[in-house]
Amino acid sequence: MYKLANNFSKEEAMKKISTERFSRRTLSFYRYIKIADPKHFRDTLYAQWSQLDALGRIYVSQEGINAQMNIPEPHWQAFLANLESHSELIGMPLKIAVEEPTDSFWKLTIKVKHQIVADGLAPDTYDIANVGTHLNAEEFNHLAEQPDTLIVDMRNAYESEIGHFENALCPDVDTFKEELPLVSKTLENKKDKKLLLYCTGGIRCEKASAYLKNEGFENVYQLYGGIINYAHEVRAKNLPSKFKGKNFVFDERRAERITDDILSHCHQCASPSDTHVNCANEMCNLLFIQCAQCQSAMSTCCSLACQQLASLPEHELATLRKHQSVKPKMFNKRGLMLNFANEIV
């Protein structure tokens, strides 16, 4: 019988990965395509990809597939052949990681979702087949320099804070479904302008461009392959990079450096920093930016209260965890800095 789920801990998985004598190739891909039976498709992929020692996070729904994963180099050709064996995945464009990671994922997770990108919209709000014009890196750079162009970052605030395109509108939102109506409302009097959209790998721009076209925007363009593909193109063609800083990624690495520019600041001391961490207090787990000095001083915690909790003996923490479930906190640098300032006064 094929394996269809994980049955090991993170510690066990990391120990196994540490003994590997081969490199892994990190990649991402997506496709909006009708999948009649997402559960069956999910189980088939899990059975086949676990045999290849693939690791990653993949979402499958009736509207398509969204994948971020890594593949052992010895199994790379077998993985490509496997993609071609599924009619839904034939000719899939792959975005290969900009940097050479070693620890992007530690397990294989494939989940069936209602949507591969949650947008909070009614099904008739957009036509996913009617998307914006795709641009390569050179075309994107050229259009970005035109005076009637508006560049819009279709990612969350915690992503754009550490890296974005020059002169881009970066909405202050925590979720994609918040951003769609906000962008439409913000630009409602500029529907005749050229909208130049970008995101990490292109998947959010597909929906965003379709939605904005349905909202009456006349000239909508999107960066093909997102920031990941853009970074490869500018390096291969020796083009100037209009993207500055880091590209946030949703795996253990948290980001890939595109240029040496540091655009953001530590959320505790305000010194230049673009390193995301999760609060070491597992009952908090807040994602925030923390410089090396504050990481050392605060034990990678977001507050003095969390630092005190994280330092408790394990048996005391276990008791506390029984009475307090871990609830992921939304990124909020302003609240974090204010609370921290109040603590140290």
C-alpha atoms as a PDB file:
ATOM      1  CA  MET A   1       0.000   0.000   0.000  1.00  0.00           C
ATOM      2  CA  TYR A   2       1.264   3.458  -0.892  1.00  0.00           C
ATOM      3  CA  LYS A   3       1.987   5.989   1.831  1.00  0.00           C
ATOM      4  CA  LEU A   4      -0.587   8.808   1.880  1.00  0.00           C
ATOM      5  CA  ALA A   5       0.401  10.798   4.987  1.00  0.00           C
ATOM      6  CA  ASN A   6       3.313  11.692   7.267  1.00  0.00           C
ATOM      7  CA  ASN A   7       3.983   9.543  10.326  1.00  0.00           C
ATOM      8  CA  PHE A   8       7.161  11.125  11.690  1.00  0.00           C
ATOM      9  CA  SER A   9       8.100  14.144  13.790  1.00  0.00           C
ATOM     10  CA  LYS A  10      10.013  17.205  12.643  1.00  0.00           C
ATOM     11  CA  GLU A  11      12.995  16.112  14.706  1.00  0.00           C
ATOM     12  CA  GLU A  12      13.048  12.707  13.002  1.00  0.00           C
ATOM     13  CA  ALA A  13      12.674  14.303   9.566  1.00  0.00           C
ATOM     14  CA  MET A  14      15.467  16.839  10.141  1.00  0.00           C
ATOM     15  CA  LYS A  15      17.777  14.095  11.384  1.00  0.00           C
ATOM     16  CA  LYS A  16      17.135  12.080   8.216  1.00  0.00           C
ATOM     17  CA  ILE A  17      17.695  15.129   5.985  1.00  0.00           C
ATOM     18  CA  SER A  18      20.987  15.889   7.762  1.00  0.00           C
ATOM     19  CA  THR A  19      22.350  12.504   6.658  1.00  0.00           C
ATOM     20  CA  GLU A  20      21.527  12.993   2.968  1.00  0.00           C
ATOM     21  CA  ARG A  21      24.516  12.948   0.646  1.00  0.00           C
ATOM     22  CA  PHE A  22      22.776  14.692  -2.237  1.00  0.00           C
ATOM     23  CA  SER A  23      21.468  18.190  -2.902  1.00  0.00           C
ATOM     24  CA  ARG A  24      17.835  19.164  -3.369  1.00  0.00           C
ATOM     25  CA  ARG A  25      16.329  21.469  -5.973  1.00  0.00           C
ATOM     26  CA  THR A  26      13.686  23.866  -4.632  1.00  0.00           C
ATOM     27  CA  LEU A  27      10.932  24.930  -7.022  1.00  0.00           C
ATOM     28  CA  SER A  28       7.380  26.196  -7.217  1.00  0.00           C
ATOM     29  CA  PHE A  29       4.618  25.934  -9.793  1.00  0.00           C
ATOM     30  CA  TYR A  30       0.898  26.475 -10.200  1.00  0.00           C
ATOM     31  CA  ARG A  31      -1.831  25.993 -12.736  1.00  0.00           C
ATOM     32  CA  TYR A  32      -5.476  26.982 -12.803  1.00  0.00           C
ATOM     33  CA  ILE A  33      -7.152  23.944 -14.299  1.00  0.00           C
ATOM     34  CA  LYS A  34     -10.335  21.980 -13.639  1.00  0.00           C
ATOM     35  CA  ILE A  35      -9.663  18.996 -11.372  1.00  0.00           C
ATOM     36  CA  ALA A  36     -12.769  16.837 -11.129  1.00  0.00           C
ATOM     37  CA  ASP A  37     -11.723  14.800  -8.076  1.00  0.00           C
ATOM     38  CA  PRO A  38      -9.176  16.753  -5.991  1.00  0.00           C
ATOM     39  CA  LYS A  39      -9.050  14.081  -3.246  1.00  0.00           C
ATOM     40  CA  HIS A  40      -8.140  11.298  -5.688  1.00  0.00           C
ATOM     41  CA  PHE A  41      -5.639  13.577  -7.453  1.00  0.00           C
ATOM     42  CA  ARG A  42      -4.107  14.506  -4.084  1.00  0.00           C
ATOM     43  CA  ASP A  43      -3.716  10.869  -3.018  1.00  0.00           C
ATOM     44  CA  THR A  44      -2.171   9.904  -6.357  1.00  0.00           C
ATOM     45  CA  LEU A  45       0.392  12.693  -6.173  1.00  0.00           C
ATOM     46  CA  TYR A  46       1.258  11.899  -2.565  1.00  0.00           C
ATOM     47  CA  ALA A  47       1.807   8.228  -3.306  1.00  0.00           C
ATOM     48  CA  GLN A  48       4.036   8.983  -6.302  1.00  0.00           C
ATOM     49  CA  TRP A  49       5.976  11.953  -4.936  1.00  0.00           C
ATOM     50  CA  SER A  50       6.696  10.355  -1.562  1.00  0.00           C
ATOM     51  CA  GLN A  51       8.384   7.550  -3.491  1.00  0.00           C
ATOM     52  CA  LEU A  52      10.718  10.204  -4.937  1.00  0.00           C
ATOM     53  CA  ASP A  53      11.510  11.619  -1.458  1.00  0.00           C
ATOM     54  CA  ALA A  54       9.901  14.906  -2.489  1.00  0.00           C
ATOM     55  CA  LEU A  55       9.243  17.440   0.267  1.00  0.00           C
ATOM     56  CA  GLY A  56       7.017  20.491   0.197  1.00  0.00           C
ATOM     57  CA  ARG A  57       3.626  22.100   0.609  1.00  0.00           C
ATOM     58  CA  ILE A  58       1.066  21.561  -2.144  1.00  0.00           C
ATOM     59  CA  TYR A  59      -2.564  22.683  -2.372  1.00  0.00           C
ATOM     60  CA  VAL A  60      -5.040  20.979  -4.699  1.00  0.00           C
ATOM     61  CA  SER A  61      -8.592  22.122  -5.406  1.00  0.00           C
ATOM     62  CA  GLN A  62     -11.202  21.978  -8.127  1.00  0.00           C
ATOM     63  CA  GLU A  63      -9.633  25.128  -9.575  1.00  0.00           C
ATOM     64  CA  GLY A  64      -6.086  23.740  -9.885  1.00  0.00           C
ATOM     65  CA  ILE A  65      -2.797  23.163  -8.084  1.00  0.00           C
ATOM     66  CA  ASN A  66      -0.321  25.369  -6.199  1.00  0.00           C
ATOM     67  CA  ALA A  67       2.991  23.803  -5.179  1.00  0.00           C
ATOM     68  CA  GLN A  68       6.175  24.769  -3.376  1.00  0.00           C
ATOM     69  CA  MET A  69       8.565  21.859  -2.928  1.00  0.00           C
ATOM     70  CA  ASN A  70      12.044  20.425  -3.225  1.00  0.00           C
ATOM     71  CA  ILE A  71      13.247  17.344  -5.089  1.00  0.00           C
ATOM     72  CA  PRO A  72      16.436  15.286  -4.583  1.00  0.00           C
ATOM     73  CA  GLU A  73      18.775  15.883  -7.512  1.00  0.00           C
ATOM     74  CA  PRO A  74      19.051  12.111  -8.192  1.00  0.00           C
ATOM     75  CA  HIS A  75      15.245  12.017  -8.668  1.00  0.00           C
ATOM     76  CA  TRP A  76      14.890  15.225 -10.681  1.00  0.00           C
ATOM     77  CA  GLN A  77      14.399  13.582 -14.082  1.00  0.00           C
ATOM     78  CA  ALA A  78      11.966  11.069 -12.613  1.00  0.00           C
ATOM     79  CA  PHE A  79       9.972  13.945 -11.103  1.00  0.00           C
ATOM     80  CA  LEU A  80       9.819  15.754 -14.453  1.00  0.00           C
ATOM     81  CA  ALA A  81       8.616  12.543 -16.088  1.00  0.00           C
ATOM     82  CA  ASN A  82       5.977  12.174 -13.398  1.00  0.00           C
ATOM     83  CA  LEU A  83       4.638  15.661 -14.103  1.00  0.00           C
ATOM     84  CA  GLU A  84       4.274  14.780 -17.767  1.00  0.00           C
ATOM     85  CA  SER A  85       2.372  11.598 -16.862  1.00  0.00           C
ATOM     86  CA  HIS A  86      -0.543  13.672 -15.525  1.00  0.00           C
ATOM     87  CA  SER A  87      -2.671  15.438 -18.132  1.00  0.00           C
ATOM     88  CA  GLU A  88      -3.258  18.302 -15.679  1.00  0.00           C
ATOM     89  CA  LEU A  89       0.492  18.905 -15.288  1.00  0.00           C
ATOM     90  CA  ILE A  90       1.869  18.472 -18.816  1.00  0.00           C
ATOM     91  CA  GLY A  91       4.203  21.304 -19.834  1.00  0.00           C
ATOM     92  CA  MET A  92       4.126  22.827 -16.366  1.00  0.00           C
ATOM     93  CA  PRO A  93       6.285  25.999 -16.105  1.00  0.00           C
ATOM     94  CA  LEU A  94       8.593  25.584 -13.106  1.00  0.00           C
ATOM     95  CA  LYS A  95      10.091  28.394 -11.030  1.00  0.00           C
ATOM     96  CA  ILE A  96      13.446  27.287  -9.644  1.00  0.00           C
ATOM     97  CA  ALA A  97      14.673  28.922  -6.433  1.00  0.00           C
ATOM     98  CA  VAL A  98      16.992  31.893  -6.911  1.00  0.00           C
ATOM     99  CA  GLU A  99      19.334  30.775  -4.154  1.00  0.00           C
ATOM    100  CA  GLU A 100      20.581  27.242  -3.480  1.00  0.00           C
ATOM    101  CA  PRO A 101      18.683  26.225  -0.331  1.00  0.00           C
ATOM    102  CA  THR A 102      19.387  23.177   1.808  1.00  0.00           C
ATOM    103  CA  ASP A 103      16.458  23.283   4.202  1.00  0.00           C
ATOM    104  CA  SER A 104      13.417  24.706   2.428  1.00  0.00           C
ATOM    105  CA  PHE A 105      11.050  21.895   3.523  1.00  0.00           C
ATOM    106  CA  TRP A 106      11.208  18.967   5.928  1.00  0.00           C
ATOM    107  CA  LYS A 107       8.071  17.007   5.027  1.00  0.00           C
ATOM    108  CA  LEU A 108       5.638  16.403   2.170  1.00  0.00           C
ATOM    109  CA  THR A 109       2.209  17.920   2.730  1.00  0.00           C
ATOM    110  CA  ILE A 110      -0.526  17.842   0.086  1.00  0.00           C
ATOM    111  CA  LYS A 111      -3.872  19.321   1.129  1.00  0.00           C
ATOM    112  CA  VAL A 112      -7.221  19.562  -0.600  1.00  0.00           C
ATOM    113  CA  LYS A 113      -8.474  23.144  -0.386  1.00  0.00           C
ATOM    114  CA  HIS A 114     -11.562  25.039  -1.469  1.00  0.00           C
ATOM    115  CA  GLN A 115      -9.259  27.305  -3.512  1.00  0.00           C
ATOM    116  CA  ILE A 116      -5.538  27.205  -4.242  1.00  0.00           C
ATOM    117  CA  VAL A 117      -5.422  30.932  -3.456  1.00  0.00           C
ATOM    118  CA  ALA A 118      -8.088  32.185  -1.047  1.00  0.00           C
ATOM    119  CA  ASP A 119      -9.643  35.367  -2.446  1.00  0.00           C
ATOM    120  CA  GLY A 120     -12.927  35.687  -0.533  1.00  0.00           C
ATOM    121  CA  LEU A 121     -14.788  36.449  -3.768  1.00  0.00           C
ATOM    122  CA  ALA A 122     -17.962  35.013  -5.245  1.00  0.00           C
ATOM    123  CA  PRO A 123     -17.337  32.672  -8.218  1.00  0.00           C
ATOM    124  CA  ASP A 124     -18.829  35.142 -10.724  1.00  0.00           C
ATOM    125  CA  THR A 125     -16.596  38.035  -9.587  1.00  0.00           C
ATOM    126  CA  TYR A 126     -13.956  37.306 -12.231  1.00  0.00           C
ATOM    127  CA  ASP A 127     -13.130  35.101 -15.201  1.00  0.00           C
ATOM    128  CA  ILE A 128      -9.820  33.332 -14.546  1.00  0.00           C
ATOM    129  CA  ALA A 129      -9.452  32.805 -18.296  1.00  0.00           C
ATOM    130  CA  ASN A 130      -9.439  36.584 -18.879  1.00  0.00           C
ATOM    131  CA  VAL A 131      -6.171  37.650 -17.263  1.00  0.00           C
ATOM    132  CA  GLY A 132      -3.718  40.477 -17.822  1.00  0.00           C
ATOM    133  CA  THR A 133      -0.961  40.578 -20.436  1.00  0.00           C
ATOM    134  CA  HIS A 134       2.103  38.621 -19.344  1.00  0.00           C
ATOM    135  CA  LEU A 135       5.459  40.431 -19.461  1.00  0.00           C
ATOM    136  CA  ASN A 136       9.011  39.146 -19.245  1.00  0.00           C
ATOM    137  CA  ALA A 137      11.659  40.980 -17.198  1.00  0.00           C
ATOM    138  CA  GLU A 138      12.792  43.245 -20.041  1.00  0.00           C
ATOM    139  CA  GLU A 139       9.221  44.194 -20.953  1.00  0.00           C
ATOM    140  CA  PHE A 140       8.389  44.761 -17.308  1.00  0.00           C
ATOM    141  CA  ASN A 141      11.370  47.103 -16.854  1.00  0.00           C
ATOM    142  CA  HIS A 142      10.416  49.064 -19.957  1.00  0.00           C
ATOM    143  CA  LEU A 143       6.785  49.493 -18.947  1.00  0.00           C
ATOM    144  CA  ALA A 144       7.766  50.362 -15.372  1.00  0.00           C
ATOM    145  CA  GLU A 145       9.578  53.439 -16.698  1.00  0.00           C
ATOM    146  CA  GLN A 146       6.530  54.817 -18.492  1.00  0.00           C
ATOM    147  CA  PRO A 147       4.883  57.830 -16.772  1.00  0.00           C
ATOM    148  CA  ASP A 148       1.339  56.432 -17.080  1.00  0.00           C
ATOM    149  CA  THR A 149       2.205  53.117 -15.386  1.00  0.00           C
ATOM    150  CA  LEU A 150       1.180  52.168 -11.850  1.00  0.00           C
ATOM    151  CA  ILE A 151       3.150  49.282 -10.310  1.00  0.00           C
ATOM    152  CA  VAL A 152       1.161  47.275  -7.770  1.00  0.00           C
ATOM    153  CA  ASP A 153       2.547  44.676  -5.340  1.00  0.00           C
ATOM    154  CA  MET A 154      -0.068  41.918  -4.969  1.00  0.00           C
ATOM    155  CA  ARG A 155       1.566  40.438  -1.872  1.00  0.00           C
ATOM    156  CA  ASN A 156       1.064  40.993   1.843  1.00  0.00           C
ATOM    157  CA  ALA A 157       2.689  43.804   3.818  1.00  0.00           C
ATOM    158  CA  TYR A 158       5.128  41.494   5.605  1.00  0.00           C
ATOM    159  CA  GLU A 159       6.375  40.343   2.182  1.00  0.00           C
ATOM    160  CA  SER A 160       6.722  43.745   0.518  1.00  0.00           C
ATOM    161  CA  GLU A 161       8.371  45.315   3.562  1.00  0.00           C
ATOM    162  CA  ILE A 162      11.636  43.418   2.998  1.00  0.00           C
ATOM    163  CA  GLY A 163      11.632  43.762  -0.788  1.00  0.00           C
ATOM    164  CA  HIS A 164       9.640  45.358  -3.595  1.00  0.00           C
ATOM    165  CA  PHE A 165       9.886  47.010  -6.990  1.00  0.00           C
ATOM    166  CA  GLU A 166      10.877  50.652  -7.194  1.00  0.00           C
ATOM    167  CA  ASN A 167       7.904  53.045  -6.957  1.00  0.00           C
ATOM    168  CA  ALA A 168       5.455  50.208  -6.304  1.00  0.00           C
ATOM    169  CA  LEU A 169       2.195  50.610  -4.450  1.00  0.00           C
ATOM    170  CA  CYS A 170       2.492  48.188  -1.522  1.00  0.00           C
ATOM    171  CA  PRO A 171      -0.888  47.852   0.238  1.00  0.00           C
ATOM    172  CA  ASP A 172      -0.816  47.532   4.029  1.00  0.00           C
ATOM    173  CA  VAL A 173      -2.672  44.211   4.252  1.00  0.00           C
ATOM    174  CA  ASP A 174      -2.120  40.805   5.839  1.00  0.00           C
ATOM    175  CA  THR A 175      -4.118  38.696   3.361  1.00  0.00           C
ATOM    176  CA  PHE A 176      -4.698  38.495  -0.368  1.00  0.00           C
ATOM    177  CA  LYS A 177      -8.474  38.687   0.027  1.00  0.00           C
ATOM    178  CA  GLU A 178      -8.073  42.017   1.839  1.00  0.00           C
ATOM    179  CA  GLU A 179      -5.895  43.373  -0.935  1.00  0.00           C
ATOM    180  CA  LEU A 180      -8.134  42.785  -3.961  1.00  0.00           C
ATOM    181  CA  PRO A 181     -10.975  45.173  -3.007  1.00  0.00           C
ATOM    182  CA  LEU A 182      -8.494  47.632  -1.454  1.00  0.00           C
ATOM    183  CA  VAL A 183      -6.489  47.961  -4.684  1.00  0.00           C
ATOM    184  CA  SER A 184      -9.674  48.370  -6.720  1.00  0.00           C
ATOM    185  CA  LYS A 185     -10.971  51.100  -4.404  1.00  0.00           C
ATOM    186  CA  THR A 186      -7.603  52.878  -4.113  1.00  0.00           C
ATOM    187  CA  LEU A 187      -7.215  53.059  -7.887  1.00  0.00           C
ATOM    188  CA  GLU A 188     -10.885  53.497  -8.839  1.00  0.00           C
ATOM    189  CA  ASN A 189     -10.199  56.887 -10.460  1.00  0.00           C
ATOM    190  CA  LYS A 190      -7.225  55.569 -12.444  1.00  0.00           C
ATOM    191  CA  LYS A 191      -8.837  52.845 -14.517  1.00  0.00           C
ATOM    192  CA  ASP A 192      -7.321  54.253 -17.705  1.00  0.00           C
ATOM    193  CA  LYS A 193      -3.757  53.872 -16.375  1.00  0.00           C
ATOM    194  CA  LYS A 194      -1.519  50.913 -17.105  1.00  0.00           C
ATOM    195  CA  LEU A 195      -1.523  48.577 -14.101  1.00  0.00           C
ATOM    196  CA  LEU A 196       1.640  46.538 -13.711  1.00  0.00           C
ATOM    197  CA  LEU A 197       1.081  43.699 -11.213  1.00  0.00           C
ATOM    198  CA  TYR A 198       3.611  41.396  -9.618  1.00  0.00           C
ATOM    199  CA  CYS A 199       3.796  38.754  -6.888  1.00  0.00           C
ATOM    200  CA  THR A 200       6.120  35.931  -5.799  1.00  0.00           C
ATOM    201  CA  GLY A 201       5.602  33.399  -8.584  1.00  0.00           C
ATOM    202  CA  GLY A 202       2.641  34.707 -10.552  1.00  0.00           C
ATOM    203  CA  ILE A 203      -0.292  32.814  -9.049  1.00  0.00           C
ATOM    204  CA  ARG A 204      -1.851  35.735  -7.176  1.00  0.00           C
ATOM    205  CA  CYS A 205      -1.507  38.010 -10.201  1.00  0.00           C
ATOM    206  CA  GLU A 206      -3.597  35.620 -12.291  1.00  0.00           C
ATOM    207  CA  LYS A 207      -6.588  36.153 -10.028  1.00  0.00           C
ATOM    208  CA  ALA A 208      -5.805  39.809  -9.344  1.00  0.00           C
ATOM    209  CA  SER A 209      -5.577  40.724 -13.013  1.00  0.00           C
ATOM    210  CA  ALA A 210      -8.806  38.853 -13.838  1.00  0.00           C
ATOM    211  CA  TYR A 211     -10.575  40.575 -10.933  1.00  0.00           C
ATOM    212  CA  LEU A 212      -9.319  44.064 -11.839  1.00  0.00           C
ATOM    213  CA  LYS A 213     -10.260  43.623 -15.485  1.00  0.00           C
ATOM    214  CA  ASN A 214     -13.747  42.658 -14.345  1.00  0.00           C
ATOM    215  CA  GLU A 215     -13.751  45.834 -12.220  1.00  0.00           C
ATOM    216  CA  GLY A 216     -13.242  47.940 -15.342  1.00  0.00           C
ATOM    217  CA  PHE A 217      -9.479  48.497 -15.432  1.00  0.00           C
ATOM    218  CA  GLU A 218      -8.548  48.782 -19.089  1.00  0.00           C
ATOM    219  CA  ASN A 219      -4.820  48.029 -19.264  1.00  0.00           C
ATOM    220  CA  VAL A 220      -3.697  45.296 -16.893  1.00  0.00           C
ATOM    221  CA  TYR A 221      -0.278  43.652 -17.148  1.00  0.00           C
ATOM    222  CA  GLN A 222       1.463  41.095 -14.950  1.00  0.00           C
ATOM    223  CA  LEU A 223       5.010  39.889 -14.426  1.00  0.00           C
ATOM    224  CA  TYR A 224       5.297  36.395 -15.891  1.00  0.00           C
ATOM    225  CA  GLY A 225       6.672  33.948 -13.334  1.00  0.00           C
ATOM    226  CA  GLY A 226       6.706  36.608 -10.649  1.00  0.00           C
ATOM    227  CA  ILE A 227       9.739  37.860  -8.760  1.00  0.00           C
ATOM    228  CA  ILE A 228      11.388  34.425  -8.882  1.00  0.00           C
ATOM    229  CA  ASN A 229      11.455  34.278 -12.671  1.00  0.00           C
ATOM    230  CA  TYR A 230      12.332  37.995 -12.877  1.00  0.00           C
ATOM    231  CA  ALA A 231      15.441  37.459 -10.738  1.00  0.00           C
ATOM    232  CA  HIS A 232      16.645  34.646 -12.998  1.00  0.00           C
ATOM    233  CA  GLU A 233      16.024  36.709 -16.132  1.00  0.00           C
ATOM    234  CA  VAL A 234      17.803  39.872 -14.990  1.00  0.00           C
ATOM    235  CA  ARG A 235      20.856  37.817 -14.037  1.00  0.00           C
ATOM    236  CA  ALA A 236      20.869  35.773 -17.228  1.00  0.00           C
ATOM    237  CA  LYS A 237      20.421  38.849 -19.463  1.00  0.00           C
ATOM    238  CA  ASN A 238      22.449  41.275 -17.321  1.00  0.00           C
ATOM    239  CA  LEU A 239      19.454  43.594 -16.908  1.00  0.00           C
ATOM    240  CA  PRO A 240      19.133  46.197 -14.144  1.00  0.00           C
ATOM    241  CA  SER A 241      17.012  44.858 -11.283  1.00  0.00           C
ATOM    242  CA  LYS A 242      14.148  47.163 -10.434  1.00  0.00           C
ATOM    243  CA  PHE A 243      13.258  44.819  -7.604  1.00  0.00           C
ATOM    244  CA  LYS A 244      15.217  45.701  -4.478  1.00  0.00           C
ATOM    245  CA  GLY A 245      15.867  43.661  -1.350  1.00  0.00           C
ATOM    246  CA  LYS A 246      14.597  40.200  -0.494  1.00  0.00           C
ATOM    247  CA  ASN A 247      11.805  38.085  -1.951  1.00  0.00           C
ATOM    248  CA  PHE A 248       9.720  36.528   0.841  1.00  0.00           C
ATOM    249  CA  VAL A 249       9.081  32.793   0.335  1.00  0.00           C
ATOM    250  CA  PHE A 250       6.720  30.481   2.199  1.00  0.00           C
ATOM    251  CA  ASP A 251       9.110  27.817   3.405  1.00  0.00           C
ATOM    252  CA  GLU A 252      11.761  27.339   6.065  1.00  0.00           C
ATOM    253  CA  ARG A 253      14.087  29.875   4.355  1.00  0.00           C
ATOM    254  CA  ARG A 254      11.525  32.708   4.635  1.00  0.00           C
ATOM    255  CA  ALA A 255      13.282  34.774   1.937  1.00  0.00           C
ATOM    256  CA  GLU A 256      15.716  34.821  -0.979  1.00  0.00           C
ATOM    257  CA  ARG A 257      18.051  37.759  -1.417  1.00  0.00           C
ATOM    258  CA  ILE A 258      17.655  39.438  -4.807  1.00  0.00           C
ATOM    259  CA  THR A 259      19.805  42.545  -4.240  1.00  0.00           C
ATOM    260  CA  ASP A 260      21.975  43.741  -1.361  1.00  0.00           C
ATOM    261  CA  ASP A 261      19.550  46.548  -0.488  1.00  0.00           C
ATOM    262  CA  ILE A 262      18.064  46.378   3.022  1.00  0.00           C
ATOM    263  CA  LEU A 263      14.726  48.191   2.908  1.00  0.00           C
ATOM    264  CA  SER A 264      13.245  47.326   6.295  1.00  0.00           C
ATOM    265  CA  HIS A 265      14.112  47.736   9.961  1.00  0.00           C
ATOM    266  CA  CYS A 266      14.184  45.632  13.101  1.00  0.00           C
ATOM    267  CA  HIS A 267      10.776  45.822  14.757  1.00  0.00           C
ATOM    268  CA  GLN A 268      12.364  46.203  18.171  1.00  0.00           C
ATOM    269  CA  CYS A 269      15.317  48.580  17.843  1.00  0.00           C
ATOM    270  CA  ALA A 270      14.607  50.023  14.349  1.00  0.00           C
ATOM    271  CA  SER A 271      18.105  49.277  13.040  1.00  0.00           C
ATOM    272  CA  PRO A 272      18.375  48.159   9.369  1.00  0.00           C
ATOM    273  CA  SER A 273      17.357  44.509   9.109  1.00  0.00           C
ATOM    274  CA  ASP A 274      15.359  42.242   6.808  1.00  0.00           C
ATOM    275  CA  THR A 275      15.503  38.960   8.719  1.00  0.00           C
ATOM    276  CA  HIS A 276      12.144  37.418   9.566  1.00  0.00           C
ATOM    277  CA  VAL A 277      11.903  35.181  12.633  1.00  0.00           C
ATOM    278  CA  ASN A 278       9.097  33.497  14.534  1.00  0.00           C
ATOM    279  CA  CYS A 279       8.861  34.287  18.222  1.00  0.00           C
ATOM    280  CA  ALA A 280      10.618  31.514  20.176  1.00  0.00           C
ATOM    281  CA  ASN A 281       7.652  31.338  22.535  1.00  0.00           C
ATOM    282  CA  GLU A 282       5.669  28.603  20.764  1.00  0.00           C
ATOM    283  CA  MET A 283       2.424  29.873  22.262  1.00  0.00           C
ATOM    284  CA  CYS A 284       3.016  33.162  20.423  1.00  0.00           C
ATOM    285  CA  ASN A 285       4.914  32.253  17.234  1.00  0.00           C
ATOM    286  CA  LEU A 286       4.578  35.807  15.878  1.00  0.00           C
ATOM    287  CA  LEU A 287       6.365  36.450  12.589  1.00  0.00           C
ATOM    288  CA  PHE A 288       8.405  39.658  12.769  1.00  0.00           C
ATOM    289  CA  ILE A 289      11.691  41.269  11.729  1.00  0.00           C
ATOM    290  CA  GLN A 290      14.518  41.088  14.258  1.00  0.00           C
ATOM    291  CA  CYS A 291      18.176  42.051  13.888  1.00  0.00           C
ATOM    292  CA  ALA A 292      21.005  39.820  15.114  1.00  0.00           C
ATOM    293  CA  GLN A 293      21.605  41.957  18.204  1.00  0.00           C
ATOM    294  CA  CYS A 294      17.962  41.793  19.288  1.00  0.00           C
ATOM    295  CA  GLN A 295      17.812  38.086  18.530  1.00  0.00           C
ATOM    296  CA  SER A 296      20.669  37.594  20.976  1.00  0.00           C
ATOM    297  CA  ALA A 297      19.345  39.988  23.610  1.00  0.00           C
ATOM    298  CA  MET A 298      15.737  38.784  23.357  1.00  0.00           C
ATOM    299  CA  SER A 299      16.416  35.070  22.727  1.00  0.00           C
ATOM    300  CA  THR A 300      14.500  35.427  19.429  1.00  0.00           C
ATOM    301  CA  CYS A 301      11.371  36.528  21.267  1.00  0.00           C
ATOM    302  CA  CYS A 302       9.058  39.377  20.372  1.00  0.00           C
ATOM    303  CA  SER A 303       8.584  40.653  23.931  1.00  0.00           C
ATOM    304  CA  LEU A 304       9.941  40.383  27.461  1.00  0.00           C
ATOM    305  CA  ALA A 305       6.852  38.403  28.448  1.00  0.00           C
ATOM    306  CA  CYS A 306       7.476  35.869  25.682  1.00  0.00           C
ATOM    307  CA  GLN A 307      11.170  35.688  26.584  1.00  0.00           C
ATOM    308  CA  GLN A 308      10.263  34.800  30.174  1.00  0.00           C
ATOM    309  CA  LEU A 309       7.806  32.137  29.032  1.00  0.00           C
ATOM    310  CA  ALA A 310      10.246  30.606  26.550  1.00  0.00           C
ATOM    311  CA  SER A 311      12.867  30.256  29.300  1.00  0.00           C
ATOM    312  CA  LEU A 312      10.607  28.142  31.548  1.00  0.00           C
ATOM    313  CA  PRO A 313      11.409  24.445  32.066  1.00  0.00           C
ATOM    314  CA  GLU A 314       9.738  22.124  29.592  1.00  0.00           C
ATOM    315  CA  HIS A 315       7.411  20.563  32.189  1.00  0.00           C
ATOM    316  CA  GLU A 316       6.029  24.021  33.059  1.00  0.00           C
ATOM    317  CA  LEU A 317       5.592  24.876  29.380  1.00  0.00           C
ATOM    318  CA  ALA A 318       3.770  21.603  28.810  1.00  0.00           C
ATOM    319  CA  THR A 319       1.316  22.496  31.578  1.00  0.00           C
ATOM    320  CA  LEU A 320       0.748  25.950  30.091  1.00  0.00           C
ATOM    321  CA  ARG A 321       0.202  24.536  26.610  1.00  0.00           C
ATOM    322  CA  LYS A 322      -2.615  22.354  27.915  1.00  0.00           C
ATOM    323  CA  HIS A 323      -4.541  25.473  28.838  1.00  0.00           C
ATOM    324  CA  GLN A 324      -3.552  27.730  25.935  1.00  0.00           C
ATOM    325  CA  SER A 325      -3.710  26.720  22.302  1.00  0.00           C
ATOM    326  CA  VAL A 326      -1.171  28.179  19.890  1.00  0.00           C
ATOM    327  CA  LYS A 327      -2.908  30.766  17.744  1.00  0.00           C
ATOM    328  CA  PRO A 328      -0.876  32.170  14.832  1.00  0.00           C
ATOM    329  CA  LYS A 329      -0.671  35.939  15.180  1.00  0.00           C
ATOM    330  CA  MET A 330      -0.959  38.316  12.280  1.00  0.00           C
ATOM    331  CA  PHE A 331       2.066  40.377  11.394  1.00  0.00           C
ATOM    332  CA  ASN A 332       1.761  43.839  12.977  1.00  0.00           C
ATOM    333  CA  LYS A 333       5.006  45.765  13.246  1.00  0.00           C
ATOM    334  CA  ARG A 334       3.408  48.930  14.620  1.00  0.00           C
ATOM    335  CA  GLY A 335       1.740  47.116  17.514  1.00  0.00           C
ATOM    336  CA  LEU A 336       4.900  45.120  18.207  1.00  0.00           C
ATOM    337  CA  MET A 337       7.146  48.184  18.366  1.00  0.00           C
ATOM    338  CA  LEU A 338       4.656  50.030  20.583  1.00  0.00           C
ATOM    339  CA  ASN A 339       4.274  47.134  22.997  1.00  0.00           C
ATOM    340  CA  PHE A 340       8.023  46.573  23.165  1.00  0.00           C
ATOM    341  CA  ALA A 341       8.665  50.251  23.807  1.00  0.00           C
ATOM    342  CA  ASN A 342       6.146  50.216  26.652  1.00  0.00           C
ATOM    343  CA  GLU A 343       7.781  47.129  28.169  1.00  0.00           C
ATOM    344  CA  ILE A 344      11.275  48.625  28.377  1.00  0.00           C
ATOM    345  CA  VAL A 345      10.236  52.036  29.705  1.00  0.00           C
END
